[in-house]
N, C-alpha and C. Protein backbone atom coordinates (compact mmCIF):
# COMPACT_ATOMS: atom_id res chain seq x y z
N MET A 1 -7.11 58.50 -23.93
CA MET A 1 -7.47 58.19 -22.52
C MET A 1 -7.92 56.56 -22.70
N ALA A 2 -7.30 55.76 -21.97
CA ALA A 2 -7.79 54.47 -21.91
C ALA A 2 -9.07 54.04 -21.69
N LYS A 3 -9.55 53.18 -22.27
CA LYS A 3 -11.02 52.79 -21.77
C LYS A 3 -11.06 51.84 -20.55
N PRO A 4 -11.81 51.86 -19.64
CA PRO A 4 -11.92 51.19 -18.35
C PRO A 4 -12.31 49.66 -18.91
N THR A 5 -11.45 48.78 -18.25
CA THR A 5 -11.92 47.27 -18.49
C THR A 5 -12.88 46.88 -17.76
N LYS A 6 -13.75 46.15 -18.28
CA LYS A 6 -14.93 45.37 -17.76
C LYS A 6 -14.36 44.46 -17.03
N PRO A 7 -15.17 44.03 -15.97
CA PRO A 7 -14.97 42.78 -15.16
C PRO A 7 -15.21 41.57 -15.95
N ALA A 8 -14.29 40.56 -15.62
CA ALA A 8 -14.72 39.26 -16.59
C ALA A 8 -15.95 38.69 -16.27
N LYS A 9 -16.70 38.23 -17.33
CA LYS A 9 -17.71 37.62 -17.08
C LYS A 9 -17.65 36.14 -16.35
N THR A 10 -18.53 35.89 -15.30
CA THR A 10 -18.49 34.46 -14.74
C THR A 10 -19.22 33.55 -15.68
N SER A 11 -18.48 32.49 -16.12
CA SER A 11 -19.43 31.69 -16.93
C SER A 11 -20.22 30.79 -16.16
N LYS A 12 -21.48 30.14 -16.71
CA LYS A 12 -22.43 29.35 -15.87
C LYS A 12 -21.63 28.14 -15.53
N THR A 13 -20.67 27.64 -16.52
CA THR A 13 -19.99 26.37 -15.93
C THR A 13 -18.83 26.52 -14.51
N ASP A 14 -18.57 27.79 -14.44
CA ASP A 14 -17.70 27.97 -13.47
C ASP A 14 -18.44 28.30 -12.09
N LYS A 15 -19.41 28.96 -12.00
CA LYS A 15 -20.38 29.32 -10.82
C LYS A 15 -21.60 29.47 -11.26
N THR A 16 -22.71 29.30 -10.09
CA THR A 16 -23.98 29.51 -10.28
C THR A 16 -24.34 30.10 -9.13
N LYS A 17 -25.71 30.75 -9.08
CA LYS A 17 -25.82 31.38 -7.74
C LYS A 17 -26.89 30.36 -7.12
N SER A 18 -26.73 30.47 -5.70
CA SER A 18 -27.56 29.70 -4.83
C SER A 18 -28.66 30.51 -4.68
N ASP A 19 -29.73 29.96 -4.12
CA ASP A 19 -31.05 30.48 -3.79
C ASP A 19 -30.79 31.91 -2.87
N LYS A 20 -29.72 31.87 -2.11
CA LYS A 20 -29.43 33.04 -1.41
C LYS A 20 -28.52 34.18 -2.05
N GLY A 21 -28.41 33.88 -3.15
CA GLY A 21 -27.53 34.97 -4.19
C GLY A 21 -25.87 34.86 -3.92
N SER A 22 -25.53 33.81 -3.05
CA SER A 22 -23.97 33.74 -2.89
C SER A 22 -23.71 32.67 -4.01
N LEU A 23 -22.38 32.81 -4.38
CA LEU A 23 -21.85 32.13 -5.48
C LEU A 23 -21.31 30.62 -4.90
N VAL A 24 -21.61 29.76 -5.52
CA VAL A 24 -20.97 28.31 -5.13
C VAL A 24 -20.54 27.65 -6.50
N PRO A 25 -19.45 26.89 -6.25
CA PRO A 25 -18.97 26.18 -7.56
C PRO A 25 -20.00 25.54 -8.25
N ALA A 26 -20.25 25.21 -9.67
CA ALA A 26 -21.08 24.45 -10.21
C ALA A 26 -20.87 23.01 -10.01
N ALA A 27 -19.71 22.80 -9.99
CA ALA A 27 -19.35 21.51 -9.73
C ALA A 27 -19.47 20.74 -8.42
N SER A 28 -20.21 21.42 -7.36
CA SER A 28 -20.39 20.96 -6.19
C SER A 28 -21.76 19.96 -6.31
N PRO A 29 -21.60 18.65 -5.85
CA PRO A 29 -22.62 17.87 -5.99
C PRO A 29 -23.96 18.15 -5.04
N SER A 30 -25.15 18.18 -5.68
CA SER A 30 -26.07 18.25 -4.66
C SER A 30 -26.12 16.82 -3.91
N ALA A 31 -27.07 17.27 -2.94
CA ALA A 31 -27.21 16.12 -1.91
C ALA A 31 -27.71 14.67 -2.72
N ALA A 32 -28.50 14.62 -3.75
CA ALA A 32 -29.03 13.65 -4.45
C ALA A 32 -27.77 13.29 -5.33
N ASP A 33 -26.72 13.88 -5.74
CA ASP A 33 -25.67 13.51 -6.51
C ASP A 33 -24.49 12.92 -5.88
N ARG A 34 -24.41 13.04 -4.48
CA ARG A 34 -23.48 12.62 -3.80
C ARG A 34 -23.41 10.92 -3.63
N ALA A 35 -22.38 10.49 -3.40
CA ALA A 35 -22.32 8.98 -3.17
C ALA A 35 -22.80 8.41 -1.94
N PRO A 36 -23.49 7.44 -1.88
CA PRO A 36 -24.28 7.08 -0.82
C PRO A 36 -23.00 6.62 0.27
N SER A 37 -23.40 6.41 1.61
CA SER A 37 -22.30 5.99 2.54
C SER A 37 -22.13 4.79 2.51
N ILE A 38 -21.06 4.28 2.55
CA ILE A 38 -20.77 2.66 2.61
C ILE A 38 -21.47 1.66 3.56
N ASP A 39 -21.95 0.82 3.04
CA ASP A 39 -22.87 -0.11 3.81
C ASP A 39 -22.57 -1.59 3.40
N ILE A 40 -21.49 -2.15 3.58
CA ILE A 40 -21.07 -3.48 3.20
C ILE A 40 -21.23 -4.46 4.26
N GLY A 41 -21.90 -4.21 5.32
CA GLY A 41 -21.98 -4.96 6.41
C GLY A 41 -21.11 -5.12 7.40
N ILE A 42 -20.00 -4.07 7.31
CA ILE A 42 -19.00 -3.93 8.09
C ILE A 42 -19.24 -2.69 8.89
N SER A 43 -19.28 -2.40 10.28
CA SER A 43 -19.33 -1.01 10.67
C SER A 43 -18.10 -0.16 10.41
N SER A 44 -18.71 1.09 10.57
CA SER A 44 -17.31 2.11 10.05
C SER A 44 -16.23 1.92 10.93
N GLY A 45 -16.45 1.75 12.28
CA GLY A 45 -15.21 1.57 13.35
C GLY A 45 -14.69 0.38 12.90
N ASP A 46 -15.20 -0.87 12.64
CA ASP A 46 -14.57 -1.96 12.27
C ASP A 46 -13.74 -1.84 11.03
N ARG A 47 -14.28 -1.08 9.95
CA ARG A 47 -13.88 -0.91 8.63
C ARG A 47 -12.37 -0.04 8.72
N LYS A 48 -12.47 0.89 9.79
CA LYS A 48 -11.29 1.78 10.08
C LYS A 48 -10.20 0.80 10.74
N LYS A 49 -10.73 -0.16 11.46
CA LYS A 49 -9.47 -0.67 12.12
C LYS A 49 -8.87 -1.75 11.24
N ILE A 50 -9.55 -2.20 10.32
CA ILE A 50 -9.15 -3.21 9.29
C ILE A 50 -8.20 -2.33 8.57
N ALA A 51 -8.52 -1.09 7.83
CA ALA A 51 -7.78 -0.24 6.85
C ALA A 51 -6.51 0.09 7.60
N GLU A 52 -6.41 0.25 9.06
CA GLU A 52 -5.28 0.73 9.52
C GLU A 52 -4.34 -0.37 9.71
N GLY A 53 -4.90 -1.59 9.96
CA GLY A 53 -4.07 -2.69 9.97
C GLY A 53 -3.46 -3.08 8.51
N LEU A 54 -4.34 -2.80 7.61
CA LEU A 54 -3.85 -2.98 6.13
C LEU A 54 -2.89 -1.84 5.68
N SER A 55 -2.85 -0.79 6.04
CA SER A 55 -1.92 0.22 5.87
C SER A 55 -0.59 -0.07 6.64
N ARG A 56 -0.54 -0.70 7.77
CA ARG A 56 0.55 -1.46 8.27
C ARG A 56 1.22 -2.36 7.31
N PHE A 57 0.18 -3.35 7.05
CA PHE A 57 0.54 -4.17 6.15
C PHE A 57 1.42 -4.01 4.69
N LEU A 58 0.60 -2.93 4.32
CA LEU A 58 1.02 -2.40 2.87
C LEU A 58 2.40 -1.81 3.06
N ALA A 59 2.71 -1.04 4.34
CA ALA A 59 3.91 -0.26 4.37
C ALA A 59 5.00 -1.59 4.61
N ASP A 60 4.74 -2.40 5.26
CA ASP A 60 5.58 -3.69 5.46
C ASP A 60 5.70 -4.51 4.09
N SER A 61 5.04 -4.54 3.30
CA SER A 61 5.03 -5.08 1.84
C SER A 61 5.74 -4.34 1.08
N TYR A 62 5.49 -3.02 1.14
CA TYR A 62 6.23 -2.06 0.24
C TYR A 62 7.73 -1.79 0.44
N THR A 63 7.92 -1.98 1.92
CA THR A 63 9.37 -1.87 2.34
C THR A 63 10.08 -3.17 1.91
N LEU A 64 9.56 -4.22 2.06
CA LEU A 64 10.07 -5.71 1.67
C LEU A 64 10.28 -5.59 0.05
N TYR A 65 9.15 -5.01 -0.69
CA TYR A 65 9.35 -5.02 -2.13
C TYR A 65 10.65 -4.32 -2.72
N LEU A 66 10.70 -3.02 -1.80
CA LEU A 66 11.86 -2.13 -2.24
C LEU A 66 13.20 -2.70 -1.66
N LYS A 67 13.31 -3.50 -0.62
CA LYS A 67 14.35 -4.23 -0.35
C LYS A 67 14.75 -5.09 -1.09
N THR A 68 13.89 -5.96 -1.63
CA THR A 68 14.12 -7.10 -2.58
C THR A 68 14.68 -6.65 -3.75
N HIS A 69 13.97 -5.40 -4.40
CA HIS A 69 14.63 -4.87 -5.49
C HIS A 69 15.87 -4.40 -5.63
N ASN A 70 16.19 -3.59 -4.28
CA ASN A 70 17.51 -3.09 -4.23
C ASN A 70 18.40 -4.30 -4.14
N PHE A 71 18.24 -5.57 -3.65
CA PHE A 71 19.11 -6.53 -3.40
C PHE A 71 19.34 -7.18 -4.91
N HIS A 72 18.22 -7.25 -5.72
CA HIS A 72 18.53 -7.61 -7.12
C HIS A 72 19.42 -6.82 -7.86
N TRP A 73 19.41 -5.70 -7.53
CA TRP A 73 20.34 -4.80 -8.27
C TRP A 73 21.64 -4.85 -7.83
N ASN A 74 22.00 -5.19 -6.45
CA ASN A 74 23.36 -4.88 -6.03
C ASN A 74 23.70 -6.31 -5.47
N VAL A 75 23.08 -7.45 -5.96
CA VAL A 75 23.77 -8.55 -5.12
C VAL A 75 25.12 -8.94 -6.07
N THR A 76 25.88 -9.44 -5.33
CA THR A 76 27.26 -9.93 -6.06
C THR A 76 27.86 -11.18 -5.43
N GLY A 77 28.83 -11.88 -5.96
CA GLY A 77 29.14 -12.93 -5.41
C GLY A 77 28.93 -14.33 -6.19
N PRO A 78 29.42 -15.48 -5.53
CA PRO A 78 29.05 -16.83 -6.46
C PRO A 78 27.56 -17.19 -6.62
N MET A 79 26.70 -16.36 -5.73
CA MET A 79 25.34 -16.70 -5.96
C MET A 79 24.62 -15.90 -6.89
N PHE A 80 25.19 -14.85 -7.64
CA PHE A 80 24.74 -13.73 -8.24
C PHE A 80 23.77 -14.16 -9.31
N ASN A 81 24.00 -14.99 -10.06
CA ASN A 81 22.80 -15.48 -11.22
C ASN A 81 21.51 -15.98 -10.44
N ALA A 82 21.59 -16.86 -9.46
CA ALA A 82 20.61 -17.49 -8.95
C ALA A 82 19.67 -16.45 -8.32
N LEU A 83 20.42 -15.63 -7.55
CA LEU A 83 19.77 -14.68 -6.21
C LEU A 83 19.33 -13.48 -7.23
N HIS A 84 19.88 -13.13 -8.41
CA HIS A 84 19.47 -12.02 -9.27
C HIS A 84 18.18 -12.47 -9.64
N VAL A 85 17.82 -13.60 -10.24
CA VAL A 85 16.55 -14.26 -10.84
C VAL A 85 15.85 -14.26 -9.83
N MET A 86 15.94 -14.94 -8.63
CA MET A 86 15.08 -15.25 -7.46
C MET A 86 14.59 -13.91 -6.90
N PHE A 87 15.23 -12.79 -6.79
CA PHE A 87 14.84 -11.42 -6.21
C PHE A 87 14.04 -10.90 -7.13
N GLU A 88 14.26 -11.14 -8.57
CA GLU A 88 13.38 -10.50 -9.63
C GLU A 88 11.99 -11.17 -9.44
N THR A 89 11.93 -12.42 -9.26
CA THR A 89 10.68 -13.24 -9.39
C THR A 89 9.99 -12.72 -8.34
N GLN A 90 10.34 -12.59 -7.01
CA GLN A 90 9.88 -12.21 -5.98
C GLN A 90 9.36 -10.64 -6.05
N TYR A 91 10.21 -9.74 -6.25
CA TYR A 91 9.85 -8.21 -6.30
C TYR A 91 9.00 -7.78 -7.23
N THR A 92 8.70 -8.88 -8.55
CA THR A 92 7.65 -8.63 -9.33
C THR A 92 6.41 -8.93 -9.12
N GLU A 93 6.53 -10.24 -8.38
CA GLU A 93 5.06 -10.62 -7.60
C GLU A 93 4.58 -9.68 -6.50
N GLN A 94 5.61 -9.23 -5.69
CA GLN A 94 5.22 -8.48 -4.63
C GLN A 94 4.69 -7.04 -5.28
N TRP A 95 5.30 -6.61 -6.18
CA TRP A 95 4.67 -5.34 -7.11
C TRP A 95 3.27 -5.39 -7.10
N THR A 96 2.83 -6.51 -7.74
CA THR A 96 1.45 -6.60 -8.18
C THR A 96 0.33 -6.73 -6.90
N ALA A 97 1.11 -7.25 -6.03
CA ALA A 97 0.39 -7.46 -4.65
C ALA A 97 0.05 -6.13 -3.95
N LEU A 98 0.86 -5.24 -4.21
CA LEU A 98 0.79 -4.07 -3.50
C LEU A 98 -0.63 -3.17 -4.07
N ASP A 99 -0.73 -3.29 -5.07
CA ASP A 99 -2.23 -2.83 -5.73
C ASP A 99 -3.21 -3.35 -5.19
N ASP A 100 -3.37 -4.77 -4.97
CA ASP A 100 -4.32 -5.54 -4.42
C ASP A 100 -4.91 -4.94 -2.94
N ILE A 101 -3.78 -4.80 -2.22
CA ILE A 101 -3.76 -4.30 -0.65
C ILE A 101 -4.23 -2.87 -0.76
N ALA A 102 -3.73 -2.07 -1.47
CA ALA A 102 -4.21 -0.76 -1.63
C ALA A 102 -5.64 -0.59 -2.00
N GLU A 103 -5.94 -1.30 -2.84
CA GLU A 103 -7.33 -1.35 -3.23
C GLU A 103 -8.25 -1.67 -2.43
N ARG A 104 -7.90 -2.69 -1.54
CA ARG A 104 -8.76 -3.36 -0.39
C ARG A 104 -8.93 -2.14 0.62
N ILE A 105 -7.89 -1.30 0.97
CA ILE A 105 -8.13 -0.21 1.67
C ILE A 105 -9.33 0.55 1.41
N ARG A 106 -8.93 0.92 -0.17
CA ARG A 106 -9.92 1.89 -0.67
C ARG A 106 -11.56 1.49 -0.60
N ALA A 107 -11.54 0.00 -0.91
CA ALA A 107 -12.90 -0.48 -0.96
C ALA A 107 -13.64 -0.56 0.37
N LEU A 108 -12.70 -0.34 1.44
CA LEU A 108 -13.26 -0.16 2.84
C LEU A 108 -13.49 1.21 3.17
N GLY A 109 -13.17 1.98 2.32
CA GLY A 109 -13.54 3.58 2.38
C GLY A 109 -12.46 4.44 2.98
N PHE A 110 -11.26 4.06 3.03
CA PHE A 110 -10.34 4.78 3.51
C PHE A 110 -9.05 4.92 2.46
N ASN A 111 -8.22 6.17 2.50
CA ASN A 111 -6.83 6.12 1.62
C ASN A 111 -6.05 5.28 2.09
N ALA A 112 -5.35 4.87 1.19
CA ALA A 112 -4.12 4.16 1.23
C ALA A 112 -2.86 4.82 1.43
N PRO A 113 -1.99 4.48 2.25
CA PRO A 113 -0.71 5.41 2.33
C PRO A 113 -0.15 5.32 1.13
N GLY A 114 0.70 6.21 0.72
CA GLY A 114 1.28 5.91 -0.55
C GLY A 114 2.67 7.00 -0.47
N SER A 115 3.33 7.27 0.23
CA SER A 115 4.67 8.11 0.25
C SER A 115 5.46 7.32 1.23
N TYR A 116 6.82 7.64 0.92
CA TYR A 116 8.03 6.77 1.59
C TYR A 116 7.90 7.27 3.11
N ALA A 117 7.46 8.50 3.40
CA ALA A 117 7.26 8.84 4.82
C ALA A 117 6.24 8.30 5.57
N GLU A 118 5.34 8.10 4.93
CA GLU A 118 4.26 7.15 5.58
C GLU A 118 4.44 5.72 5.64
N PHE A 119 5.16 5.23 4.58
CA PHE A 119 5.70 3.96 4.71
C PHE A 119 6.66 3.39 5.86
N VAL A 120 7.60 4.60 6.08
CA VAL A 120 8.51 4.54 7.09
C VAL A 120 7.96 4.44 8.64
N ARG A 121 7.06 5.46 8.54
CA ARG A 121 6.10 5.48 9.74
C ARG A 121 5.44 4.30 10.35
N LEU A 122 4.90 3.71 9.23
CA LEU A 122 4.01 2.55 9.30
C LEU A 122 4.57 1.16 9.43
N SER A 123 5.79 1.03 8.79
CA SER A 123 6.53 -0.35 8.51
C SER A 123 7.05 -1.06 10.05
N SER A 124 7.20 -2.06 10.00
CA SER A 124 8.10 -2.83 10.97
C SER A 124 9.29 -3.36 10.47
N ILE A 125 9.48 -3.08 9.33
CA ILE A 125 10.71 -3.54 8.57
C ILE A 125 11.63 -2.34 8.26
N THR A 126 12.90 -2.31 8.57
CA THR A 126 13.79 -1.20 8.51
C THR A 126 14.38 -1.28 7.16
N GLU A 127 14.68 -0.14 6.55
CA GLU A 127 15.22 -0.14 4.99
C GLU A 127 16.73 -0.60 5.19
N GLU A 128 17.10 -1.04 4.02
CA GLU A 128 18.58 -1.04 3.94
C GLU A 128 19.29 -0.04 3.34
N PRO A 129 20.24 0.40 4.14
CA PRO A 129 21.05 1.77 3.74
C PRO A 129 21.40 2.05 2.29
N GLY A 130 21.43 1.00 1.32
CA GLY A 130 21.67 1.14 0.11
C GLY A 130 23.15 1.09 -0.35
N LEU A 131 23.38 1.71 -1.61
CA LEU A 131 24.58 1.81 -2.44
C LEU A 131 25.70 1.96 -1.68
N THR A 132 25.91 2.65 -0.47
CA THR A 132 27.08 3.08 0.11
C THR A 132 27.54 1.80 1.20
N ASP A 133 26.51 1.31 1.52
CA ASP A 133 27.08 -0.09 2.33
C ASP A 133 26.29 -1.08 2.09
N SER A 134 26.56 -1.87 0.92
CA SER A 134 25.70 -2.82 0.30
C SER A 134 26.16 -4.01 1.07
N ALA A 135 25.00 -4.98 1.56
CA ALA A 135 25.30 -6.14 2.34
C ALA A 135 25.81 -7.16 1.25
N ASP A 136 26.40 -8.43 1.99
CA ASP A 136 26.85 -9.41 0.99
C ASP A 136 25.82 -10.20 0.91
N TRP A 137 25.95 -11.13 -0.18
CA TRP A 137 24.58 -11.86 -0.44
C TRP A 137 24.04 -12.68 0.54
N ARG A 138 24.70 -13.27 1.73
CA ARG A 138 24.33 -13.93 2.75
C ARG A 138 23.46 -13.09 3.63
N GLU A 139 23.76 -11.88 3.93
CA GLU A 139 23.17 -10.87 4.66
C GLU A 139 21.85 -10.39 4.04
N MET A 140 22.08 -10.40 2.74
CA MET A 140 20.78 -9.95 1.86
C MET A 140 19.82 -10.89 1.90
N VAL A 141 20.17 -12.35 1.72
CA VAL A 141 19.11 -13.41 1.96
C VAL A 141 18.65 -13.47 3.41
N ARG A 142 19.32 -13.30 4.29
CA ARG A 142 18.94 -13.28 5.83
C ARG A 142 17.88 -12.18 6.14
N GLN A 143 18.00 -10.92 5.59
CA GLN A 143 17.09 -9.58 5.82
C GLN A 143 16.02 -10.13 5.12
N LEU A 144 15.90 -10.70 4.01
CA LEU A 144 14.90 -10.94 3.31
C LEU A 144 13.96 -12.14 3.92
N VAL A 145 14.55 -12.87 4.56
CA VAL A 145 13.99 -14.17 5.51
C VAL A 145 13.22 -13.38 6.47
N VAL A 146 13.77 -12.38 7.09
CA VAL A 146 13.35 -11.54 8.37
C VAL A 146 12.25 -10.83 7.78
N GLY A 147 12.52 -10.07 6.75
CA GLY A 147 11.50 -9.33 6.08
C GLY A 147 10.22 -10.00 5.86
N ASN A 148 10.20 -11.09 5.17
CA ASN A 148 9.17 -11.99 4.93
C ASN A 148 8.25 -12.34 6.05
N GLU A 149 8.98 -12.85 7.03
CA GLU A 149 8.36 -12.98 8.31
C GLU A 149 7.84 -12.16 9.05
N ALA A 150 8.27 -10.84 8.88
CA ALA A 150 7.64 -9.79 9.53
C ALA A 150 6.33 -9.33 8.69
N VAL A 151 6.17 -9.64 7.46
CA VAL A 151 5.04 -9.40 6.49
C VAL A 151 3.95 -10.28 6.98
N CYS A 152 4.43 -11.52 7.32
CA CYS A 152 3.66 -12.61 7.86
C CYS A 152 2.78 -12.27 9.01
N ARG A 153 3.77 -11.75 10.04
CA ARG A 153 3.19 -11.43 11.50
C ARG A 153 2.40 -10.28 11.24
N THR A 154 2.51 -9.21 10.55
CA THR A 154 1.67 -7.99 10.41
C THR A 154 0.23 -8.67 9.81
N ALA A 155 0.47 -9.54 8.79
CA ALA A 155 -0.96 -10.07 8.19
C ALA A 155 -1.63 -10.94 8.84
N ARG A 156 -1.13 -11.61 9.84
CA ARG A 156 -1.74 -12.52 10.79
C ARG A 156 -2.51 -11.71 11.89
N LYS A 157 -2.01 -10.52 12.14
CA LYS A 157 -2.69 -9.50 13.03
C LYS A 157 -4.35 -9.08 12.46
N VAL A 158 -3.82 -8.55 11.02
CA VAL A 158 -5.00 -8.00 10.48
C VAL A 158 -5.97 -9.03 10.22
N LEU A 159 -5.59 -10.11 9.84
CA LEU A 159 -6.37 -11.31 9.62
C LEU A 159 -7.32 -11.66 10.54
N ASP A 160 -6.76 -11.67 11.69
CA ASP A 160 -7.68 -11.91 13.12
C ASP A 160 -8.60 -10.98 13.28
N GLN A 161 -8.44 -9.80 12.81
CA GLN A 161 -9.27 -8.47 12.95
C GLN A 161 -10.40 -8.61 11.97
N ALA A 162 -10.06 -9.10 10.56
CA ALA A 162 -11.01 -9.14 9.51
C ALA A 162 -11.78 -10.48 9.90
N ASP A 163 -11.24 -11.59 10.65
CA ASP A 163 -12.06 -12.77 10.97
C ASP A 163 -13.07 -12.27 11.88
N ASP A 164 -12.71 -11.70 12.98
CA ASP A 164 -13.68 -11.26 14.01
C ASP A 164 -14.78 -10.38 13.45
N VAL A 165 -14.99 -9.76 12.15
CA VAL A 165 -16.11 -9.01 11.69
C VAL A 165 -16.52 -9.74 10.29
N ASP A 166 -15.87 -11.09 10.22
CA ASP A 166 -16.30 -11.70 8.81
C ASP A 166 -16.18 -10.83 7.51
N ASP A 167 -14.87 -10.23 7.67
CA ASP A 167 -14.56 -9.47 6.24
C ASP A 167 -13.72 -10.45 5.44
N ALA A 168 -14.72 -11.27 4.93
CA ALA A 168 -13.98 -12.37 3.85
C ALA A 168 -12.95 -11.93 2.77
N PRO A 169 -13.31 -10.80 2.13
CA PRO A 169 -12.34 -10.22 1.10
C PRO A 169 -11.01 -10.14 1.57
N THR A 170 -10.85 -9.34 2.89
CA THR A 170 -9.61 -9.09 3.47
C THR A 170 -8.99 -10.38 3.97
N GLU A 171 -9.81 -11.31 4.53
CA GLU A 171 -9.37 -12.70 4.87
C GLU A 171 -8.66 -13.54 3.55
N ASP A 172 -9.38 -13.38 2.59
CA ASP A 172 -9.06 -13.95 1.43
C ASP A 172 -7.53 -13.45 0.97
N LEU A 173 -7.50 -12.16 0.77
CA LEU A 173 -6.34 -11.26 0.59
C LEU A 173 -5.08 -11.76 1.27
N LEU A 174 -5.16 -11.66 2.71
CA LEU A 174 -4.31 -11.94 3.53
C LEU A 174 -3.96 -13.45 3.59
N THR A 175 -4.77 -14.38 3.44
CA THR A 175 -4.40 -15.81 3.30
C THR A 175 -3.49 -16.06 2.10
N GLN A 176 -3.91 -15.58 1.07
CA GLN A 176 -3.03 -15.39 -0.08
C GLN A 176 -1.59 -15.01 0.19
N ARG A 177 -1.81 -13.93 0.66
CA ARG A 177 -0.29 -13.16 0.96
C ARG A 177 0.56 -14.01 1.97
N LEU A 178 -0.16 -14.24 3.01
CA LEU A 178 0.50 -15.36 3.94
C LEU A 178 1.27 -16.56 3.35
N GLN A 179 0.63 -17.28 2.36
CA GLN A 179 0.90 -18.40 1.74
C GLN A 179 2.24 -17.87 0.96
N THR A 180 2.24 -16.75 0.16
CA THR A 180 3.54 -16.37 -0.66
C THR A 180 4.41 -16.21 0.27
N HIS A 181 4.50 -15.32 1.37
CA HIS A 181 5.51 -14.79 2.11
C HIS A 181 6.27 -15.95 2.81
N GLU A 182 5.27 -16.84 3.19
CA GLU A 182 5.72 -17.85 3.91
C GLU A 182 6.60 -18.92 3.20
N LYS A 183 6.29 -19.13 1.89
CA LYS A 183 7.09 -19.75 0.98
C LYS A 183 8.25 -19.15 0.66
N TYR A 184 8.34 -17.71 0.50
CA TYR A 184 9.75 -17.01 0.18
C TYR A 184 10.58 -17.19 1.24
N ALA A 185 10.12 -17.08 2.58
CA ALA A 185 10.95 -17.19 3.67
C ALA A 185 11.35 -18.61 3.75
N TRP A 186 10.85 -19.74 3.42
CA TRP A 186 11.36 -21.04 3.51
C TRP A 186 12.49 -21.15 2.51
N MET A 187 11.97 -20.73 1.16
CA MET A 187 13.00 -20.86 0.07
C MET A 187 14.23 -19.97 0.34
N LEU A 188 14.41 -18.82 0.81
CA LEU A 188 15.27 -17.94 1.13
C LEU A 188 16.13 -18.51 2.33
N ARG A 189 15.28 -19.00 3.41
CA ARG A 189 16.11 -19.92 4.47
C ARG A 189 16.80 -20.98 4.03
N SER A 190 16.57 -21.76 3.14
CA SER A 190 17.24 -22.77 2.45
C SER A 190 18.32 -22.59 2.07
N LEU A 191 18.48 -21.36 1.49
CA LEU A 191 19.97 -21.05 0.78
C LEU A 191 20.87 -20.95 1.91
N LEU A 192 20.52 -20.65 3.22
CA LEU A 192 21.55 -20.30 4.36
C LEU A 192 21.65 -21.70 5.18
N GLN A 193 20.93 -22.63 4.83
CA GLN A 193 21.23 -23.72 5.82
C GLN A 193 22.18 -24.86 5.02
């Protein structure tokens, strides 16, 4: 006859008993162990508005990055070499900036969007269909001019919100991004003139 098995022991690292005898996870922080609420001199409501605006800005920036990278891979024609290099320079710089934008959203106390579905929902820039219907080099350049300018418009809206509540770090970030995207739009537009 088989011996009955004993119930598995619960280790102290897994669970502990509370004062009332119910089990609670040992990893649950006590009130004293929890992080303090955010108090950076910007109200919760203002931080939320700015984070929402930055989320739209991140979505536009990510969509533009993806489009620029796509065009780097798929450009053809007499401008191939110049555009291939230019697009690579731009998408590499844009990739680094995405992290700064997302980290600013986190510093304000909110989660940064990070999925294609969120980016599509939040972005004002449309995606390029891709491989099956690749644009010619002139259309690629035109779309990137339009995309860079869309990023600038989104940045300006958030910059106004940040300025209203003296959010200097967000203002600084957006000012730098505006300078970059305005320059990219100018350089790209010059190729079509």
